[in-house]
Amino acid sequence: MPREPSPTSDEPAYIRNFKTYTQSDPTLEDLKSLEEEMFGANDRAVAIMLGAFMETALTKFIRIRFRQDLNSDERRAVYDYDGPLGTFAAKIAIAYAMATIGPLTRDDLDLIRIIRNGFAHSRKSIKFDDTETVVICAKLQTPDLEDAKTPVKGYAMVLEPDWLAHSDRTKPQIRYRIAVHTISAKMLKVRSRYEMAHLLKPLTTSDLP
């Protein structure tokens, strides 16, 4: 999906501040807040917003492995829509090529990307309970892993919830939520460890000048 233009110096400070805030790096707390915000939301909003968070988490997950002294123009040349890592698909491909994710995660990220794009661009009403969506969500493998997390269990805002209904891993929307939460959380945790490592040791030099 096309990126919003980066803040420019001729924009008013309040616009630059808003863009900086909305484009800031996500954290695990941001993931939890977004999931809580999306509880009870319509299917299209859930698919698009959680899918967008997943792409952002993947971007940060990849970026920590690249040189850390890139300036804003150099980063835009890589990550803007017309750059080599400007699409969700390109980021998935490079993450797999760099051996930072395995085939299971790669396949699930591709399905998350396809589902997100389908909900974003469909010109007709689309729901997780539609037969076609049920089938593709059933192909997600992350929800069936032993360490997969069901985020809805942490929602204190829900009074006397039916946990069985909201954590049923056979339901397509729940499978999508679990896949996004589990993969995003793992990536954000790995990214935090890399950031700490960079603080404790100097950046390595390039092999070539």
N, C-alpha and C. Protein backbone atom coordinates (compact mmCIF):
# COMPACT_ATOMS: atom_id res chain seq x y z
N MET A 1 0.84 -1.18 0.00
CA MET A 1 0.00 0.00 0.00
C MET A 1 0.88 1.24 0.00
N PRO A 2 0.50 2.35 -0.69
CA PRO A 2 1.33 3.54 -0.76
C PRO A 2 1.59 4.13 0.62
N ARG A 3 2.79 4.68 0.79
CA ARG A 3 3.15 5.29 2.05
C ARG A 3 2.71 6.75 2.10
N GLU A 4 2.42 7.23 3.29
CA GLU A 4 2.20 8.65 3.48
C GLU A 4 3.53 9.36 3.29
N PRO A 5 3.52 10.58 2.71
CA PRO A 5 4.77 11.30 2.54
C PRO A 5 5.43 11.59 3.87
N SER A 6 6.74 11.55 3.89
CA SER A 6 7.48 11.84 5.11
C SER A 6 7.35 13.32 5.44
N PRO A 7 7.49 13.68 6.75
CA PRO A 7 7.40 15.07 7.15
C PRO A 7 8.42 15.92 6.41
N THR A 8 8.02 17.10 5.99
CA THR A 8 8.93 18.03 5.32
C THR A 8 9.11 19.28 6.16
N SER A 9 10.22 19.96 5.95
CA SER A 9 10.57 21.09 6.80
C SER A 9 9.64 22.28 6.63
N ASP A 10 8.92 22.37 5.48
CA ASP A 10 8.05 23.52 5.25
C ASP A 10 6.64 23.30 5.81
N GLU A 11 6.40 22.16 6.44
CA GLU A 11 5.11 21.91 7.06
C GLU A 11 5.05 22.56 8.44
N PRO A 12 3.87 22.94 8.91
CA PRO A 12 3.75 23.48 10.27
C PRO A 12 4.21 22.44 11.30
N ALA A 13 4.72 22.91 12.42
CA ALA A 13 5.26 22.02 13.44
C ALA A 13 4.22 21.03 13.93
N TYR A 14 2.95 21.45 14.04
CA TYR A 14 1.93 20.54 14.56
C TYR A 14 1.67 19.38 13.61
N ILE A 15 1.84 19.61 12.30
CA ILE A 15 1.69 18.52 11.33
C ILE A 15 2.89 17.59 11.39
N ARG A 16 4.09 18.16 11.47
CA ARG A 16 5.29 17.33 11.59
C ARG A 16 5.24 16.49 12.85
N ASN A 17 4.79 17.09 13.96
CA ASN A 17 4.71 16.36 15.23
C ASN A 17 3.71 15.21 15.14
N PHE A 18 2.58 15.46 14.47
CA PHE A 18 1.57 14.42 14.33
C PHE A 18 2.10 13.27 13.48
N LYS A 19 2.77 13.58 12.37
CA LYS A 19 3.32 12.54 11.50
C LYS A 19 4.40 11.74 12.22
N THR A 20 5.23 12.44 12.97
CA THR A 20 6.28 11.75 13.72
C THR A 20 5.68 10.80 14.74
N TYR A 21 4.61 11.26 15.41
CA TYR A 21 3.95 10.43 16.42
C TYR A 21 3.34 9.19 15.79
N THR A 22 2.63 9.35 14.67
CA THR A 22 1.93 8.23 14.05
C THR A 22 2.90 7.26 13.36
N GLN A 23 4.10 7.73 13.02
CA GLN A 23 5.06 6.88 12.32
C GLN A 23 6.16 6.37 13.24
N SER A 24 6.01 6.60 14.54
CA SER A 24 7.04 6.17 15.49
C SER A 24 7.06 4.65 15.61
N ASP A 25 8.19 4.13 16.08
CA ASP A 25 8.37 2.69 16.19
C ASP A 25 7.35 2.06 17.13
N PRO A 26 6.73 0.95 16.74
CA PRO A 26 5.74 0.29 17.60
C PRO A 26 6.42 -0.52 18.70
N THR A 27 5.71 -0.71 19.79
CA THR A 27 6.19 -1.51 20.91
C THR A 27 5.18 -2.59 21.22
N LEU A 28 5.53 -3.48 22.15
CA LEU A 28 4.57 -4.49 22.58
C LEU A 28 3.33 -3.85 23.19
N GLU A 29 3.52 -2.75 23.90
CA GLU A 29 2.37 -2.07 24.49
C GLU A 29 1.46 -1.50 23.40
N ASP A 30 2.06 -1.02 22.30
CA ASP A 30 1.25 -0.53 21.19
C ASP A 30 0.44 -1.67 20.58
N LEU A 31 1.05 -2.84 20.49
CA LEU A 31 0.33 -4.00 19.96
C LEU A 31 -0.87 -4.34 20.83
N LYS A 32 -0.66 -4.35 22.15
CA LYS A 32 -1.75 -4.66 23.06
C LYS A 32 -2.86 -3.61 22.97
N SER A 33 -2.46 -2.34 22.88
CA SER A 33 -3.46 -1.26 22.80
C SER A 33 -4.26 -1.36 21.52
N LEU A 34 -3.58 -1.67 20.40
CA LEU A 34 -4.28 -1.79 19.13
C LEU A 34 -5.25 -2.97 19.16
N GLU A 35 -4.83 -4.08 19.73
CA GLU A 35 -5.71 -5.24 19.80
C GLU A 35 -6.95 -4.93 20.64
N GLU A 36 -6.75 -4.21 21.73
CA GLU A 36 -7.88 -3.85 22.58
C GLU A 36 -8.81 -2.90 21.84
N GLU A 37 -8.21 -1.97 21.10
CA GLU A 37 -9.01 -1.03 20.30
C GLU A 37 -9.81 -1.75 19.24
N MET A 38 -9.24 -2.82 18.70
CA MET A 38 -9.89 -3.55 17.62
C MET A 38 -10.91 -4.58 18.12
N PHE A 39 -10.99 -4.79 19.45
CA PHE A 39 -11.95 -5.75 19.97
C PHE A 39 -13.36 -5.26 19.67
N GLY A 40 -14.14 -6.08 19.00
CA GLY A 40 -15.50 -5.71 18.64
C GLY A 40 -15.60 -4.87 17.38
N ALA A 41 -14.45 -4.52 16.76
CA ALA A 41 -14.48 -3.73 15.54
C ALA A 41 -14.94 -4.60 14.37
N ASN A 42 -15.32 -3.94 13.27
CA ASN A 42 -15.76 -4.72 12.11
C ASN A 42 -14.59 -5.44 11.48
N ASP A 43 -14.89 -6.48 10.73
CA ASP A 43 -13.86 -7.37 10.19
C ASP A 43 -12.85 -6.63 9.32
N ARG A 44 -13.31 -5.68 8.53
CA ARG A 44 -12.39 -4.98 7.63
C ARG A 44 -11.36 -4.19 8.43
N ALA A 45 -11.81 -3.52 9.47
CA ALA A 45 -10.89 -2.74 10.31
C ALA A 45 -9.86 -3.64 10.98
N VAL A 46 -10.31 -4.79 11.49
CA VAL A 46 -9.40 -5.74 12.14
C VAL A 46 -8.34 -6.22 11.17
N ALA A 47 -8.76 -6.64 9.98
CA ALA A 47 -7.82 -7.18 9.00
C ALA A 47 -6.80 -6.14 8.57
N ILE A 48 -7.26 -4.93 8.30
CA ILE A 48 -6.37 -3.89 7.78
C ILE A 48 -5.42 -3.38 8.86
N MET A 49 -5.95 -3.04 10.04
CA MET A 49 -5.12 -2.43 11.06
C MET A 49 -4.11 -3.41 11.64
N LEU A 50 -4.54 -4.63 11.94
CA LEU A 50 -3.59 -5.60 12.47
C LEU A 50 -2.57 -6.01 11.40
N GLY A 51 -3.02 -6.09 10.14
CA GLY A 51 -2.10 -6.39 9.05
C GLY A 51 -1.06 -5.29 8.88
N ALA A 52 -1.49 -4.03 9.03
CA ALA A 52 -0.56 -2.91 8.92
C ALA A 52 0.45 -2.94 10.06
N PHE A 53 0.00 -3.30 11.26
CA PHE A 53 0.93 -3.41 12.39
C PHE A 53 1.94 -4.51 12.12
N MET A 54 1.48 -5.62 11.54
CA MET A 54 2.38 -6.73 11.25
C MET A 54 3.47 -6.29 10.28
N GLU A 55 3.10 -5.56 9.25
CA GLU A 55 4.11 -5.09 8.29
C GLU A 55 5.11 -4.14 8.96
N THR A 56 4.62 -3.27 9.84
CA THR A 56 5.51 -2.34 10.53
C THR A 56 6.48 -3.10 11.43
N ALA A 57 5.98 -4.09 12.16
CA ALA A 57 6.85 -4.89 13.03
C ALA A 57 7.91 -5.61 12.21
N LEU A 58 7.53 -6.11 11.04
CA LEU A 58 8.48 -6.78 10.17
C LEU A 58 9.54 -5.80 9.67
N THR A 59 9.13 -4.59 9.33
CA THR A 59 10.07 -3.57 8.88
C THR A 59 11.12 -3.30 9.94
N LYS A 60 10.69 -3.11 11.18
CA LYS A 60 11.63 -2.83 12.27
C LYS A 60 12.51 -4.05 12.55
N PHE A 61 11.94 -5.22 12.40
CA PHE A 61 12.67 -6.48 12.61
C PHE A 61 13.82 -6.61 11.60
N ILE A 62 13.55 -6.23 10.35
CA ILE A 62 14.58 -6.28 9.31
C ILE A 62 15.60 -5.16 9.51
N ARG A 63 15.10 -3.97 9.82
CA ARG A 63 15.97 -2.78 9.86
C ARG A 63 17.09 -2.91 10.87
N ILE A 64 16.85 -3.59 11.99
CA ILE A 64 17.85 -3.67 13.04
C ILE A 64 19.08 -4.45 12.56
N ARG A 65 18.92 -5.25 11.50
CA ARG A 65 20.04 -6.03 10.99
C ARG A 65 20.85 -5.28 9.93
N PHE A 66 20.35 -4.13 9.50
CA PHE A 66 21.07 -3.31 8.54
C PHE A 66 21.95 -2.30 9.27
N ARG A 67 22.80 -1.63 8.54
CA ARG A 67 23.65 -0.63 9.17
C ARG A 67 22.78 0.43 9.83
N GLN A 68 23.20 0.89 11.00
CA GLN A 68 22.37 1.75 11.83
C GLN A 68 22.63 3.23 11.63
N ASP A 69 23.59 3.59 10.76
CA ASP A 69 23.92 5.00 10.59
C ASP A 69 23.31 5.60 9.33
N LEU A 70 22.28 4.95 8.77
CA LEU A 70 21.61 5.51 7.61
C LEU A 70 20.88 6.79 7.99
N ASN A 71 20.97 7.82 7.16
CA ASN A 71 20.19 9.03 7.42
C ASN A 71 18.78 8.86 6.85
N SER A 72 17.93 9.85 7.05
CA SER A 72 16.52 9.71 6.66
C SER A 72 16.36 9.52 5.15
N ASP A 73 17.18 10.22 4.35
CA ASP A 73 17.09 10.06 2.90
C ASP A 73 17.50 8.65 2.47
N GLU A 74 18.54 8.13 3.10
CA GLU A 74 19.00 6.79 2.76
C GLU A 74 17.98 5.74 3.17
N ARG A 75 17.32 5.94 4.31
CA ARG A 75 16.27 4.99 4.73
C ARG A 75 15.08 5.04 3.78
N ARG A 76 14.70 6.26 3.36
CA ARG A 76 13.58 6.37 2.43
C ARG A 76 13.90 5.69 1.11
N ALA A 77 15.16 5.77 0.66
CA ALA A 77 15.54 5.13 -0.59
C ALA A 77 15.35 3.62 -0.52
N VAL A 78 15.43 3.06 0.69
CA VAL A 78 15.26 1.62 0.88
C VAL A 78 13.80 1.25 1.11
N TYR A 79 13.10 2.02 1.95
CA TYR A 79 11.79 1.60 2.44
C TYR A 79 10.59 2.31 1.80
N ASP A 80 10.80 3.40 1.07
CA ASP A 80 9.67 4.04 0.41
C ASP A 80 9.05 3.08 -0.61
N TYR A 81 7.83 3.39 -1.04
CA TYR A 81 7.07 2.43 -1.84
C TYR A 81 7.81 2.00 -3.11
N ASP A 82 8.58 2.90 -3.72
CA ASP A 82 9.30 2.54 -4.93
C ASP A 82 10.72 2.04 -4.65
N GLY A 83 11.05 1.84 -3.37
CA GLY A 83 12.36 1.32 -2.99
C GLY A 83 12.37 -0.20 -2.99
N PRO A 84 13.54 -0.82 -2.82
CA PRO A 84 13.64 -2.28 -2.87
C PRO A 84 12.85 -2.99 -1.77
N LEU A 85 12.60 -2.31 -0.63
CA LEU A 85 11.82 -2.91 0.44
C LEU A 85 10.54 -2.10 0.69
N GLY A 86 9.97 -1.62 -0.38
CA GLY A 86 8.79 -0.77 -0.26
C GLY A 86 7.47 -1.50 -0.15
N THR A 87 7.47 -2.81 -0.30
CA THR A 87 6.23 -3.57 -0.22
C THR A 87 6.33 -4.63 0.86
N PHE A 88 5.20 -5.04 1.35
CA PHE A 88 5.11 -6.11 2.34
C PHE A 88 5.75 -7.38 1.77
N ALA A 89 5.45 -7.69 0.52
CA ALA A 89 5.98 -8.91 -0.10
C ALA A 89 7.51 -8.88 -0.16
N ALA A 90 8.08 -7.72 -0.50
CA ALA A 90 9.54 -7.62 -0.58
C ALA A 90 10.18 -7.80 0.78
N LYS A 91 9.56 -7.28 1.82
CA LYS A 91 10.11 -7.42 3.18
C LYS A 91 10.07 -8.89 3.62
N ILE A 92 8.99 -9.58 3.29
CA ILE A 92 8.90 -11.00 3.64
C ILE A 92 10.00 -11.77 2.92
N ALA A 93 10.19 -11.48 1.64
CA ALA A 93 11.19 -12.19 0.85
C ALA A 93 12.60 -11.96 1.39
N ILE A 94 12.94 -10.71 1.75
CA ILE A 94 14.29 -10.44 2.23
C ILE A 94 14.49 -11.02 3.62
N ALA A 95 13.46 -11.01 4.47
CA ALA A 95 13.58 -11.60 5.80
C ALA A 95 13.87 -13.09 5.70
N TYR A 96 13.23 -13.75 4.75
CA TYR A 96 13.48 -15.19 4.56
C TYR A 96 14.86 -15.42 3.97
N ALA A 97 15.24 -14.59 2.99
CA ALA A 97 16.55 -14.74 2.35
C ALA A 97 17.69 -14.51 3.35
N MET A 98 17.46 -13.64 4.34
CA MET A 98 18.47 -13.36 5.36
C MET A 98 18.47 -14.40 6.47
N ALA A 99 17.60 -15.39 6.36
CA ALA A 99 17.48 -16.47 7.36
C ALA A 99 17.05 -15.95 8.72
N THR A 100 16.29 -14.85 8.75
CA THR A 100 15.77 -14.34 10.02
C THR A 100 14.40 -14.91 10.34
N ILE A 101 13.74 -15.51 9.35
CA ILE A 101 12.48 -16.22 9.57
C ILE A 101 12.56 -17.54 8.81
N GLY A 102 11.78 -18.51 9.27
CA GLY A 102 11.74 -19.80 8.61
C GLY A 102 10.56 -19.91 7.65
N PRO A 103 10.41 -21.06 7.01
CA PRO A 103 9.35 -21.23 6.02
C PRO A 103 7.94 -21.12 6.59
N LEU A 104 7.73 -21.56 7.84
CA LEU A 104 6.40 -21.46 8.43
C LEU A 104 5.99 -20.00 8.60
N THR A 105 6.89 -19.20 9.18
CA THR A 105 6.58 -17.78 9.38
C THR A 105 6.45 -17.07 8.04
N ARG A 106 7.32 -17.40 7.10
CA ARG A 106 7.22 -16.78 5.77
C ARG A 106 5.86 -17.06 5.14
N ASP A 107 5.41 -18.30 5.20
CA ASP A 107 4.12 -18.65 4.61
C ASP A 107 2.98 -17.92 5.31
N ASP A 108 3.03 -17.82 6.64
CA ASP A 108 1.97 -17.13 7.36
C ASP A 108 1.99 -15.63 7.09
N LEU A 109 3.17 -15.05 6.98
CA LEU A 109 3.25 -13.62 6.65
C LEU A 109 2.66 -13.36 5.27
N ASP A 110 2.90 -14.26 4.33
CA ASP A 110 2.31 -14.11 3.00
C ASP A 110 0.78 -14.16 3.08
N LEU A 111 0.26 -15.07 3.90
CA LEU A 111 -1.20 -15.15 4.05
C LEU A 111 -1.76 -13.91 4.72
N ILE A 112 -1.07 -13.41 5.75
CA ILE A 112 -1.50 -12.17 6.42
C ILE A 112 -1.51 -11.02 5.43
N ARG A 113 -0.47 -10.95 4.60
CA ARG A 113 -0.39 -9.90 3.57
C ARG A 113 -1.56 -9.99 2.59
N ILE A 114 -1.84 -11.20 2.13
CA ILE A 114 -2.92 -11.40 1.16
C ILE A 114 -4.27 -11.05 1.78
N ILE A 115 -4.49 -11.47 3.03
CA ILE A 115 -5.75 -11.18 3.72
C ILE A 115 -5.88 -9.67 3.92
N ARG A 116 -4.81 -9.03 4.42
CA ARG A 116 -4.86 -7.58 4.65
C ARG A 116 -5.18 -6.83 3.36
N ASN A 117 -4.50 -7.19 2.27
CA ASN A 117 -4.73 -6.51 1.01
C ASN A 117 -6.12 -6.78 0.46
N GLY A 118 -6.60 -8.02 0.65
CA GLY A 118 -7.94 -8.35 0.19
C GLY A 118 -9.01 -7.52 0.87
N PHE A 119 -8.91 -7.39 2.20
CA PHE A 119 -9.88 -6.59 2.94
C PHE A 119 -9.73 -5.11 2.61
N ALA A 120 -8.51 -4.65 2.34
CA ALA A 120 -8.29 -3.24 2.06
C ALA A 120 -8.84 -2.83 0.70
N HIS A 121 -8.80 -3.73 -0.27
CA HIS A 121 -9.14 -3.34 -1.64
C HIS A 121 -10.44 -3.92 -2.16
N SER A 122 -11.10 -4.79 -1.40
CA SER A 122 -12.36 -5.38 -1.87
C SER A 122 -13.42 -4.29 -2.05
N ARG A 123 -14.10 -4.31 -3.18
CA ARG A 123 -15.15 -3.32 -3.46
C ARG A 123 -16.52 -3.78 -2.96
N LYS A 124 -16.56 -4.94 -2.34
CA LYS A 124 -17.83 -5.41 -1.80
C LYS A 124 -17.64 -5.78 -0.34
N SER A 125 -18.73 -6.01 0.35
CA SER A 125 -18.66 -6.39 1.75
C SER A 125 -17.86 -7.68 1.88
N ILE A 126 -16.96 -7.70 2.85
CA ILE A 126 -16.12 -8.87 3.05
C ILE A 126 -15.99 -9.14 4.54
N LYS A 127 -16.09 -10.39 4.93
CA LYS A 127 -16.06 -10.76 6.34
C LYS A 127 -15.16 -11.98 6.54
N PHE A 128 -14.72 -12.16 7.77
CA PHE A 128 -13.90 -13.33 8.08
C PHE A 128 -14.71 -14.62 7.95
N ASP A 129 -16.02 -14.54 8.09
CA ASP A 129 -16.85 -15.74 8.00
C ASP A 129 -17.21 -16.12 6.57
N ASP A 130 -16.80 -15.30 5.59
CA ASP A 130 -17.02 -15.68 4.19
C ASP A 130 -16.24 -16.95 3.90
N THR A 131 -16.81 -17.83 3.12
CA THR A 131 -16.19 -19.13 2.85
C THR A 131 -14.74 -19.00 2.40
N GLU A 132 -14.49 -18.07 1.48
CA GLU A 132 -13.14 -17.91 0.94
C GLU A 132 -12.15 -17.46 2.02
N THR A 133 -12.61 -16.60 2.94
CA THR A 133 -11.74 -16.12 4.01
C THR A 133 -11.51 -17.21 5.05
N VAL A 134 -12.54 -17.99 5.33
CA VAL A 134 -12.41 -19.11 6.27
C VAL A 134 -11.32 -20.06 5.80
N VAL A 135 -11.33 -20.37 4.51
CA VAL A 135 -10.37 -21.32 3.96
C VAL A 135 -8.94 -20.81 4.09
N ILE A 136 -8.71 -19.53 3.75
CA ILE A 136 -7.34 -19.01 3.80
C ILE A 136 -6.85 -18.87 5.24
N CYS A 137 -7.73 -18.50 6.16
CA CYS A 137 -7.33 -18.38 7.57
C CYS A 137 -7.02 -19.76 8.17
N ALA A 138 -7.69 -20.78 7.68
CA ALA A 138 -7.42 -22.14 8.16
C ALA A 138 -6.02 -22.59 7.79
N LYS A 139 -5.42 -21.97 6.77
CA LYS A 139 -4.08 -22.33 6.33
C LYS A 139 -2.99 -21.69 7.21
N LEU A 140 -3.34 -20.72 8.05
CA LEU A 140 -2.37 -20.13 8.96
C LEU A 140 -1.87 -21.20 9.92
N GLN A 141 -0.56 -21.31 10.08
CA GLN A 141 0.02 -22.35 10.93
C GLN A 141 0.40 -21.86 12.33
N THR A 142 0.70 -20.57 12.46
CA THR A 142 1.13 -20.03 13.75
C THR A 142 0.13 -20.28 14.88
N PRO A 143 -1.18 -20.13 14.63
CA PRO A 143 -2.14 -20.35 15.73
C PRO A 143 -2.10 -21.75 16.32
N ASP A 144 -1.52 -22.70 15.61
CA ASP A 144 -1.47 -24.08 16.09
C ASP A 144 -0.17 -24.41 16.81
N LEU A 145 0.74 -23.44 16.91
CA LEU A 145 1.99 -23.66 17.63
C LEU A 145 1.74 -23.64 19.14
N GLU A 146 2.58 -24.35 19.87
CA GLU A 146 2.40 -24.42 21.33
C GLU A 146 2.56 -23.06 22.00
N ASP A 147 3.41 -22.20 21.45
CA ASP A 147 3.65 -20.90 22.08
C ASP A 147 2.81 -19.78 21.48
N ALA A 148 1.80 -20.12 20.67
CA ALA A 148 0.93 -19.10 20.10
C ALA A 148 0.11 -18.44 21.21
N LYS A 149 -0.07 -17.13 21.09
CA LYS A 149 -0.78 -16.36 22.11
C LYS A 149 -2.16 -15.95 21.61
N THR A 150 -3.15 -16.08 22.49
CA THR A 150 -4.50 -15.63 22.19
C THR A 150 -4.72 -14.29 22.89
N PRO A 151 -4.54 -13.15 22.20
CA PRO A 151 -4.51 -11.85 22.87
C PRO A 151 -5.78 -11.46 23.59
N VAL A 152 -6.92 -11.96 23.17
CA VAL A 152 -8.19 -11.52 23.76
C VAL A 152 -8.27 -11.84 25.24
N LYS A 153 -7.50 -12.82 25.72
CA LYS A 153 -7.58 -13.21 27.13
C LYS A 153 -7.12 -12.10 28.07
N GLY A 154 -6.42 -11.11 27.55
CA GLY A 154 -5.93 -10.05 28.42
C GLY A 154 -6.82 -8.82 28.45
N TYR A 155 -7.99 -8.86 27.84
CA TYR A 155 -8.82 -7.67 27.76
C TYR A 155 -9.66 -7.50 29.02
N ALA A 156 -9.23 -6.64 29.93
CA ALA A 156 -9.98 -6.40 31.16
C ALA A 156 -11.25 -5.60 30.88
N MET A 157 -11.30 -4.95 29.72
CA MET A 157 -12.45 -4.10 29.39
C MET A 157 -13.71 -4.91 29.11
N VAL A 158 -13.56 -6.18 28.84
CA VAL A 158 -14.71 -7.01 28.50
C VAL A 158 -15.31 -7.58 29.78
N LEU A 159 -16.54 -7.24 30.05
CA LEU A 159 -17.21 -7.71 31.26
C LEU A 159 -17.80 -9.10 31.04
N GLU A 160 -17.43 -10.01 31.95
CA GLU A 160 -17.92 -11.38 31.90
C GLU A 160 -17.90 -11.94 30.48
N PRO A 161 -16.74 -11.93 29.86
CA PRO A 161 -16.67 -12.38 28.46
C PRO A 161 -16.81 -13.89 28.34
N ASP A 162 -17.25 -14.31 27.18
CA ASP A 162 -17.28 -15.72 26.86
C ASP A 162 -15.92 -16.06 26.26
N TRP A 163 -14.97 -16.47 27.13
CA TRP A 163 -13.61 -16.71 26.65
C TRP A 163 -13.56 -17.80 25.59
N LEU A 164 -14.43 -18.78 25.70
CA LEU A 164 -14.42 -19.85 24.72
C LEU A 164 -14.71 -19.31 23.33
N ALA A 165 -15.69 -18.42 23.24
CA ALA A 165 -16.06 -17.85 21.94
C ALA A 165 -14.97 -16.95 21.39
N HIS A 166 -14.30 -16.21 22.29
CA HIS A 166 -13.31 -15.24 21.85
C HIS A 166 -11.90 -15.80 21.75
N SER A 167 -11.72 -17.07 22.06
CA SER A 167 -10.39 -17.67 21.95
C SER A 167 -10.43 -18.98 21.17
N ASP A 168 -11.51 -19.20 20.43
CA ASP A 168 -11.68 -20.41 19.65
C ASP A 168 -10.77 -20.35 18.41
N ARG A 169 -9.71 -21.15 18.41
CA ARG A 169 -8.72 -21.09 17.34
C ARG A 169 -9.21 -21.67 16.02
N THR A 170 -10.43 -22.18 16.00
CA THR A 170 -10.99 -22.65 14.74
C THR A 170 -11.67 -21.50 13.99
N LYS A 171 -11.92 -20.38 14.68
CA LYS A 171 -12.60 -19.25 14.06
C LYS A 171 -11.60 -18.43 13.25
N PRO A 172 -11.97 -18.04 12.03
CA PRO A 172 -11.01 -17.38 11.14
C PRO A 172 -10.44 -16.07 11.68
N GLN A 173 -11.29 -15.21 12.26
CA GLN A 173 -10.75 -13.94 12.76
C GLN A 173 -9.80 -14.18 13.94
N ILE A 174 -10.14 -15.13 14.80
CA ILE A 174 -9.27 -15.46 15.94
C ILE A 174 -7.92 -15.99 15.44
N ARG A 175 -7.94 -16.81 14.41
CA ARG A 175 -6.69 -17.33 13.86
C ARG A 175 -5.83 -16.20 13.31
N TYR A 176 -6.46 -15.26 12.65
CA TYR A 176 -5.73 -14.11 12.10
C TYR A 176 -5.14 -13.27 13.22
N ARG A 177 -5.94 -12.99 14.26
CA ARG A 177 -5.46 -12.21 15.41
C ARG A 177 -4.26 -12.91 16.07
N ILE A 178 -4.39 -14.20 16.29
CA ILE A 178 -3.33 -14.95 16.97
C ILE A 178 -2.05 -14.94 16.14
N ALA A 179 -2.17 -15.13 14.84
CA ALA A 179 -0.99 -15.14 13.97
C ALA A 179 -0.28 -13.80 14.01
N VAL A 180 -1.04 -12.72 13.88
CA VAL A 180 -0.44 -11.39 13.90
C VAL A 180 0.20 -11.11 15.26
N HIS A 181 -0.52 -11.40 16.34
CA HIS A 181 0.01 -11.12 17.68
C HIS A 181 1.28 -11.92 17.95
N THR A 182 1.25 -13.21 17.67
CA THR A 182 2.38 -14.07 18.01
C THR A 182 3.63 -13.70 17.23
N ILE A 183 3.48 -13.49 15.92
CA ILE A 183 4.64 -13.16 15.09
C ILE A 183 5.16 -11.76 15.42
N SER A 184 4.25 -10.79 15.55
CA SER A 184 4.66 -9.42 15.85
C SER A 184 5.39 -9.35 17.19
N ALA A 185 4.83 -10.01 18.21
CA ALA A 185 5.43 -9.96 19.54
C ALA A 185 6.84 -10.55 19.52
N LYS A 186 7.01 -11.66 18.82
CA LYS A 186 8.34 -12.27 18.74
C LYS A 186 9.33 -11.34 18.04
N MET A 187 8.89 -10.70 16.98
CA MET A 187 9.78 -9.79 16.24
C MET A 187 10.16 -8.58 17.08
N LEU A 188 9.21 -8.02 17.81
CA LEU A 188 9.50 -6.86 18.64
C LEU A 188 10.45 -7.21 19.77
N LYS A 189 10.31 -8.42 20.31
CA LYS A 189 11.21 -8.85 21.39
C LYS A 189 12.63 -9.04 20.86
N VAL A 190 12.75 -9.65 19.68
CA VAL A 190 14.08 -9.84 19.08
C VAL A 190 14.71 -8.50 18.77
N ARG A 191 13.91 -7.58 18.26
CA ARG A 191 14.41 -6.24 17.94
C ARG A 191 14.94 -5.55 19.18
N SER A 192 14.25 -5.70 20.30
CA SER A 192 14.70 -5.07 21.55
C SER A 192 16.05 -5.63 21.98
N ARG A 193 16.24 -6.93 21.80
CA ARG A 193 17.52 -7.54 22.17
C ARG A 193 18.65 -7.03 21.27
N TYR A 194 18.36 -6.86 19.98
CA TYR A 194 19.37 -6.33 19.07
C TYR A 194 19.72 -4.90 19.43
N GLU A 195 18.73 -4.10 19.78
CA GLU A 195 19.00 -2.72 20.15
C GLU A 195 19.89 -2.64 21.38
N MET A 196 19.64 -3.49 22.34
CA MET A 196 20.47 -3.51 23.54
C MET A 196 21.90 -3.93 23.19
N ALA A 197 22.03 -4.90 22.29
CA ALA A 197 23.36 -5.34 21.88
C ALA A 197 24.13 -4.22 21.20
N HIS A 198 23.43 -3.42 20.39
CA HIS A 198 24.10 -2.31 19.72
C HIS A 198 24.55 -1.23 20.71
N LEU A 199 23.84 -1.10 21.81
CA LEU A 199 24.24 -0.13 22.82
C LEU A 199 25.49 -0.58 23.57
N LEU A 200 25.69 -1.88 23.63
CA LEU A 200 26.80 -2.43 24.41
C LEU A 200 28.07 -2.64 23.60
N LYS A 201 27.97 -2.52 22.27
CA LYS A 201 29.18 -2.68 21.47
C LYS A 201 29.13 -1.73 20.28
N PRO A 202 30.27 -1.29 19.76
CA PRO A 202 30.28 -0.37 18.62
C PRO A 202 29.78 -1.06 17.37
N LEU A 203 29.30 -0.25 16.41
CA LEU A 203 28.86 -0.81 15.14
C LEU A 203 30.04 -1.44 14.40
N THR A 204 29.82 -2.55 13.78
CA THR A 204 30.89 -3.18 13.01
C THR A 204 31.16 -2.38 11.73
N THR A 205 32.37 -2.43 11.25
CA THR A 205 32.72 -1.72 10.03
C THR A 205 32.34 -2.56 8.82
N SER A 206 32.23 -1.91 7.67
CA SER A 206 31.89 -2.61 6.46
C SER A 206 33.06 -3.46 5.98
N ASP A 207 32.77 -4.54 5.26
CA ASP A 207 33.82 -5.37 4.71
C ASP A 207 34.55 -4.64 3.58
N LEU A 208 33.83 -3.79 2.85
CA LEU A 208 34.41 -3.03 1.75
C LEU A 208 34.30 -1.54 2.05
N PRO A 209 35.26 -0.74 1.61
CA PRO A 209 35.21 0.70 1.88
C PRO A 209 34.09 1.40 1.10
